[in-house]
Amino acid sequence: MYYKIEREIFMAKKKITDTVEELLAGFLKDEDYELYNCEYIKEGRDWFLRVYIDKTAPDEYVGTEDCEKVSRFLSEKLDEEDLIEQNYYLEVSSPGMDRPLIKREHYERYTGSEVEIKLYKGKDGTKNIQGVLDSIDGDSVTVTDHSGKVWELQLSEIAKANLAVIF
């Protein structure tokens, strides 16, 4: 029974995020943005619809005005669609400098970048790897850490991956 309820919640959340992606697709393209990620999650008693956008040009960054523009557009569309039954907070932002690598496209886009990776289980005595993302091939990524060690990791082994912020 518990599994069935969890699956229903997952499917409802997926329907919301898929619909949000569809609602935003044309608008984001016309405005030279791209959808980096979208999530509908519950934190405590509150629900949050979080939309992360990026600029399509690699040398441009998302500002407050960009987030406001997308938020206004999406808020209007969500009101028209009446998609979400419960009260929720809409948040539109940049994925940040330490952006998570969630989708395969993220790994492809940031090949050659400094990354921080946390593994589900320890491998060769560590659960944390920091180094350069060398490549992604199929379901595996290659990272060279600061000591020069090359790590072959399956995507399924990675609990969390982010761009590393270097100062």
C-alpha atoms as a PDB file:
ATOM      1  CA  MET A   1       0.000   0.000   0.000  1.00  0.00           C
ATOM      2  CA  TYR A   2       2.755   2.441   0.985  1.00  0.00           C
ATOM      3  CA  TYR A   3       4.567   1.787  -2.300  1.00  0.00           C
ATOM      4  CA  LYS A   4       1.380   2.482  -4.264  1.00  0.00           C
ATOM      5  CA  ILE A   5       0.883   5.854  -2.517  1.00  0.00           C
ATOM      6  CA  GLU A   6       4.534   6.807  -3.071  1.00  0.00           C
ATOM      7  CA  ARG A   7       4.223   5.905  -6.755  1.00  0.00           C
ATOM      8  CA  GLU A   8       1.055   7.986  -7.109  1.00  0.00           C
ATOM      9  CA  ILE A   9       2.773  10.985  -5.506  1.00  0.00           C
ATOM     10  CA  PHE A  10       5.784  10.522  -7.797  1.00  0.00           C
ATOM     11  CA  MET A  11       3.558  10.348 -10.880  1.00  0.00           C
ATOM     12  CA  ALA A  12       1.578  13.446  -9.836  1.00  0.00           C
ATOM     13  CA  LYS A  13       4.811  15.393  -9.287  1.00  0.00           C
ATOM     14  CA  LYS A  14       6.168  14.185 -12.639  1.00  0.00           C
ATOM     15  CA  LYS A  15       2.983  15.283 -14.406  1.00  0.00           C
ATOM     16  CA  ILE A  16       3.390  18.761 -12.889  1.00  0.00           C
ATOM     17  CA  THR A  17       7.057  19.120 -13.852  1.00  0.00           C
ATOM     18  CA  ASP A  18       6.453  17.724 -17.348  1.00  0.00           C
ATOM     19  CA  THR A  19       3.580  20.172 -17.885  1.00  0.00           C
ATOM     20  CA  VAL A  20       5.681  23.084 -16.592  1.00  0.00           C
ATOM     21  CA  GLU A  21       8.429  22.122 -19.040  1.00  0.00           C
ATOM     22  CA  GLU A  22       5.883  22.118 -21.881  1.00  0.00           C
ATOM     23  CA  LEU A  23       4.414  25.470 -20.811  1.00  0.00           C
ATOM     24  CA  LEU A  24       7.868  27.054 -20.716  1.00  0.00           C
ATOM     25  CA  ALA A  25       9.441  25.504 -23.826  1.00  0.00           C
ATOM     26  CA  GLY A  26       8.477  28.066 -26.476  1.00  0.00           C
ATOM     27  CA  PHE A  27       8.785  31.081 -24.184  1.00  0.00           C
ATOM     28  CA  LEU A  28      12.252  30.127 -22.978  1.00  0.00           C
ATOM     29  CA  LYS A  29      13.465  29.509 -26.517  1.00  0.00           C
ATOM     30  CA  ASP A  30      12.109  32.869 -27.728  1.00  0.00           C
ATOM     31  CA  GLU A  31      13.810  34.659 -24.820  1.00  0.00           C
ATOM     32  CA  ASP A  32      17.161  32.817 -25.257  1.00  0.00           C
ATOM     33  CA  TYR A  33      16.850  30.876 -22.015  1.00  0.00           C
ATOM     34  CA  GLU A  34      16.967  27.178 -21.396  1.00  0.00           C
ATOM     35  CA  LEU A  35      15.365  25.111 -18.683  1.00  0.00           C
ATOM     36  CA  TYR A  36      18.153  23.694 -16.537  1.00  0.00           C
ATOM     37  CA  ASN A  37      15.922  21.796 -14.132  1.00  0.00           C
ATOM     38  CA  CYS A  38      12.421  21.764 -12.692  1.00  0.00           C
ATOM     39  CA  GLU A  39      11.290  20.156  -9.444  1.00  0.00           C
ATOM     40  CA  TYR A  40       8.114  20.026  -7.413  1.00  0.00           C
ATOM     41  CA  ILE A  41       8.943  19.103  -3.829  1.00  0.00           C
ATOM     42  CA  LYS A  42       7.549  19.209  -0.332  1.00  0.00           C
ATOM     43  CA  GLU A  43       9.650  20.674   2.455  1.00  0.00           C
ATOM     44  CA  GLY A  44       8.017  20.409   5.839  1.00  0.00           C
ATOM     45  CA  ARG A  45       4.391  21.360   5.276  1.00  0.00           C
ATOM     46  CA  ASP A  46       5.071  23.557   2.239  1.00  0.00           C
ATOM     47  CA  TRP A  47       5.194  22.687  -1.458  1.00  0.00           C
ATOM     48  CA  PHE A  48       7.682  24.350  -3.805  1.00  0.00           C
ATOM     49  CA  LEU A  49       7.773  24.500  -7.580  1.00  0.00           C
ATOM     50  CA  ARG A  50      11.394  25.320  -8.370  1.00  0.00           C
ATOM     51  CA  VAL A  51      12.416  26.243 -11.875  1.00  0.00           C
ATOM     52  CA  TYR A  52      16.081  26.734 -12.727  1.00  0.00           C
ATOM     53  CA  ILE A  53      16.892  28.635 -15.904  1.00  0.00           C
ATOM     54  CA  ASP A  54      20.094  29.431 -17.732  1.00  0.00           C
ATOM     55  CA  LYS A  55      21.013  31.608 -20.693  1.00  0.00           C
ATOM     56  CA  THR A  56      21.670  29.825 -23.966  1.00  0.00           C
ATOM     57  CA  ALA A  57      24.786  31.938 -24.607  1.00  0.00           C
ATOM     58  CA  PRO A  58      27.674  30.448 -22.592  1.00  0.00           C
ATOM     59  CA  ASP A  59      29.138  33.851 -21.657  1.00  0.00           C
ATOM     60  CA  GLU A  60      25.868  35.314 -20.305  1.00  0.00           C
ATOM     61  CA  TYR A  61      24.428  34.911 -16.822  1.00  0.00           C
ATOM     62  CA  VAL A  62      20.905  34.865 -15.415  1.00  0.00           C
ATOM     63  CA  GLY A  63      19.961  37.957 -13.418  1.00  0.00           C
ATOM     64  CA  THR A  64      17.063  38.923 -11.184  1.00  0.00           C
ATOM     65  CA  GLU A  65      15.190  40.497 -14.107  1.00  0.00           C
ATOM     66  CA  ASP A  66      15.415  37.236 -16.049  1.00  0.00           C
ATOM     67  CA  CYS A  67      13.971  35.274 -13.132  1.00  0.00           C
ATOM     68  CA  GLU A  68      11.171  37.821 -12.694  1.00  0.00           C
ATOM     69  CA  LYS A  69      10.289  37.644 -16.393  1.00  0.00           C
ATOM     70  CA  VAL A  70      10.065  33.844 -16.374  1.00  0.00           C
ATOM     71  CA  SER A  71       8.221  33.829 -13.040  1.00  0.00           C
ATOM     72  CA  ARG A  72       5.558  36.251 -14.304  1.00  0.00           C
ATOM     73  CA  PHE A  73       5.048  34.251 -17.487  1.00  0.00           C
ATOM     74  CA  LEU A  74       4.875  30.901 -15.693  1.00  0.00           C
ATOM     75  CA  SER A  75       2.657  32.169 -12.885  1.00  0.00           C
ATOM     76  CA  GLU A  76       0.129  33.409 -15.432  1.00  0.00           C
ATOM     77  CA  LYS A  77       0.203  30.108 -17.345  1.00  0.00           C
ATOM     78  CA  LEU A  78      -0.160  28.046 -14.171  1.00  0.00           C
ATOM     79  CA  ASP A  79      -3.181  30.116 -13.137  1.00  0.00           C
ATOM     80  CA  GLU A  80      -4.766  29.495 -16.558  1.00  0.00           C
ATOM     81  CA  GLU A  81      -4.057  25.749 -16.456  1.00  0.00           C
ATOM     82  CA  ASP A  82      -5.075  25.330 -12.789  1.00  0.00           C
ATOM     83  CA  LEU A  83      -2.526  22.522 -12.704  1.00  0.00           C
ATOM     84  CA  ILE A  84      -1.606  22.411  -9.020  1.00  0.00           C
ATOM     85  CA  GLU A  85      -4.348  21.836  -6.457  1.00  0.00           C
ATOM     86  CA  GLN A  86      -2.517  22.651  -3.227  1.00  0.00           C
ATOM     87  CA  ASN A  87      -0.894  25.929  -2.240  1.00  0.00           C
ATOM     88  CA  TYR A  88       2.734  26.180  -3.316  1.00  0.00           C
ATOM     89  CA  TYR A  89       5.596  28.619  -3.663  1.00  0.00           C
ATOM     90  CA  LEU A  90       6.959  29.323  -7.139  1.00  0.00           C
ATOM     91  CA  GLU A  91      10.695  29.937  -7.223  1.00  0.00           C
ATOM     92  CA  VAL A  92      12.598  30.768 -10.406  1.00  0.00           C
ATOM     93  CA  SER A  93      16.363  31.061 -10.218  1.00  0.00           C
ATOM     94  CA  SER A  94      19.696  30.324 -11.810  1.00  0.00           C
ATOM     95  CA  PRO A  95      21.179  26.933 -10.964  1.00  0.00           C
ATOM     96  CA  GLY A  96      24.091  28.857  -9.406  1.00  0.00           C
ATOM     97  CA  MET A  97      27.841  28.711  -9.757  1.00  0.00           C
ATOM     98  CA  ASP A  98      27.965  25.326  -8.031  1.00  0.00           C
ATOM     99  CA  ARG A  99      25.131  24.028 -10.173  1.00  0.00           C
ATOM    100  CA  PRO A 100      24.187  20.385  -9.839  1.00  0.00           C
ATOM    101  CA  LEU A 101      24.852  17.996 -12.693  1.00  0.00           C
ATOM    102  CA  ILE A 102      21.572  16.126 -12.936  1.00  0.00           C
ATOM    103  CA  LYS A 103      20.947  15.276 -16.553  1.00  0.00           C
ATOM    104  CA  ARG A 104      23.265  13.679 -19.067  1.00  0.00           C
ATOM    105  CA  GLU A 105      23.298  16.977 -20.990  1.00  0.00           C
ATOM    106  CA  HIS A 106      24.752  18.705 -17.922  1.00  0.00           C
ATOM    107  CA  TYR A 107      27.702  16.313 -17.856  1.00  0.00           C
ATOM    108  CA  GLU A 108      28.222  16.800 -21.592  1.00  0.00           C
ATOM    109  CA  ARG A 109      28.033  20.593 -21.340  1.00  0.00           C
ATOM    110  CA  TYR A 110      30.526  20.817 -18.470  1.00  0.00           C
ATOM    111  CA  THR A 111      33.095  18.324 -19.726  1.00  0.00           C
ATOM    112  CA  GLY A 112      36.484  19.880 -18.951  1.00  0.00           C
ATOM    113  CA  SER A 113      35.149  21.639 -15.842  1.00  0.00           C
ATOM    114  CA  GLU A 114      36.098  21.187 -12.205  1.00  0.00           C
ATOM    115  CA  VAL A 115      33.520  19.036 -10.390  1.00  0.00           C
ATOM    116  CA  GLU A 116      32.764  17.683  -6.925  1.00  0.00           C
ATOM    117  CA  ILE A 117      31.212  14.236  -6.820  1.00  0.00           C
ATOM    118  CA  LYS A 118      29.723  12.350  -3.879  1.00  0.00           C
ATOM    119  CA  LEU A 119      29.252   8.608  -4.270  1.00  0.00           C
ATOM    120  CA  TYR A 120      26.546   6.451  -2.715  1.00  0.00           C
ATOM    121  CA  LYS A 121      29.170   3.927  -1.596  1.00  0.00           C
ATOM    122  CA  GLY A 122      32.873   4.368  -0.992  1.00  0.00           C
ATOM    123  CA  LYS A 123      35.226   3.484  -3.815  1.00  0.00           C
ATOM    124  CA  ASP A 124      38.956   3.018  -3.227  1.00  0.00           C
ATOM    125  CA  GLY A 125      38.526   4.403   0.280  1.00  0.00           C
ATOM    126  CA  THR A 126      36.577   7.568  -0.541  1.00  0.00           C
ATOM    127  CA  LYS A 127      33.038   8.764  -1.157  1.00  0.00           C
ATOM    128  CA  ASN A 128      34.096  12.255  -2.341  1.00  0.00           C
ATOM    129  CA  ILE A 129      35.979  13.019  -5.533  1.00  0.00           C
ATOM    130  CA  GLN A 130      37.051  16.442  -6.774  1.00  0.00           C
ATOM    131  CA  GLY A 131      38.690  16.858 -10.138  1.00  0.00           C
ATOM    132  CA  VAL A 132      38.160  17.557 -13.813  1.00  0.00           C
ATOM    133  CA  LEU A 133      35.239  15.961 -15.633  1.00  0.00           C
ATOM    134  CA  ASP A 134      37.020  14.388 -18.599  1.00  0.00           C
ATOM    135  CA  SER A 135      34.156  12.706 -20.424  1.00  0.00           C
ATOM    136  CA  ILE A 136      30.803  11.007 -20.355  1.00  0.00           C
ATOM    137  CA  ASP A 137      30.273   7.872 -22.387  1.00  0.00           C
ATOM    138  CA  GLY A 138      27.086   5.883 -22.136  1.00  0.00           C
ATOM    139  CA  ASP A 139      26.314   5.493 -18.450  1.00  0.00           C
ATOM    140  CA  SER A 140      29.804   6.294 -17.174  1.00  0.00           C
ATOM    141  CA  VAL A 141      31.855   9.418 -16.526  1.00  0.00           C
ATOM    142  CA  THR A 142      35.596   9.829 -16.284  1.00  0.00           C
ATOM    143  CA  VAL A 143      37.077  12.243 -13.742  1.00  0.00           C
ATOM    144  CA  THR A 144      40.758  12.984 -13.112  1.00  0.00           C
ATOM    145  CA  ASP A 145      41.329  14.038  -9.508  1.00  0.00           C
ATOM    146  CA  HIS A 146      44.006  16.463  -8.298  1.00  0.00           C
ATOM    147  CA  SER A 147      46.503  13.670  -7.641  1.00  0.00           C
ATOM    148  CA  GLY A 148      46.190  12.563 -11.268  1.00  0.00           C
ATOM    149  CA  LYS A 149      44.126   9.459 -10.529  1.00  0.00           C
ATOM    150  CA  VAL A 150      41.553   8.690 -13.216  1.00  0.00           C
ATOM    151  CA  TRP A 151      38.149   7.602 -11.918  1.00  0.00           C
ATOM    152  CA  GLU A 152      35.690   5.650 -14.073  1.00  0.00           C
ATOM    153  CA  LEU A 153      32.285   6.087 -12.439  1.00  0.00           C
ATOM    154  CA  GLN A 154      28.879   4.762 -13.367  1.00  0.00           C
ATOM    155  CA  LEU A 155      26.145   7.404 -13.216  1.00  0.00           C
ATOM    156  CA  SER A 156      24.266   5.025 -10.909  1.00  0.00           C
ATOM    157  CA  GLU A 157      27.153   5.284  -8.381  1.00  0.00           C
ATOM    158  CA  ILE A 158      26.874   9.073  -8.168  1.00  0.00           C
ATOM    159  CA  ALA A 159      24.711  10.403  -5.340  1.00  0.00           C
ATOM    160  CA  LYS A 160      25.408  14.048  -6.145  1.00  0.00           C
ATOM    161  CA  ALA A 161      27.582  15.958  -8.610  1.00  0.00           C
ATOM    162  CA  ASN A 162      28.162  19.704  -8.758  1.00  0.00           C
ATOM    163  CA  LEU A 163      30.423  22.136 -10.527  1.00  0.00           C
ATOM    164  CA  ALA A 164      33.197  23.085  -8.128  1.00  0.00           C
ATOM    165  CA  VAL A 165      33.593  26.761  -7.295  1.00  0.00           C
ATOM    166  CA  ILE A 166      37.272  27.678  -7.493  1.00  0.00           C
ATOM    167  CA  PHE A 167      38.501  30.985  -6.074  1.00  0.00           C
END
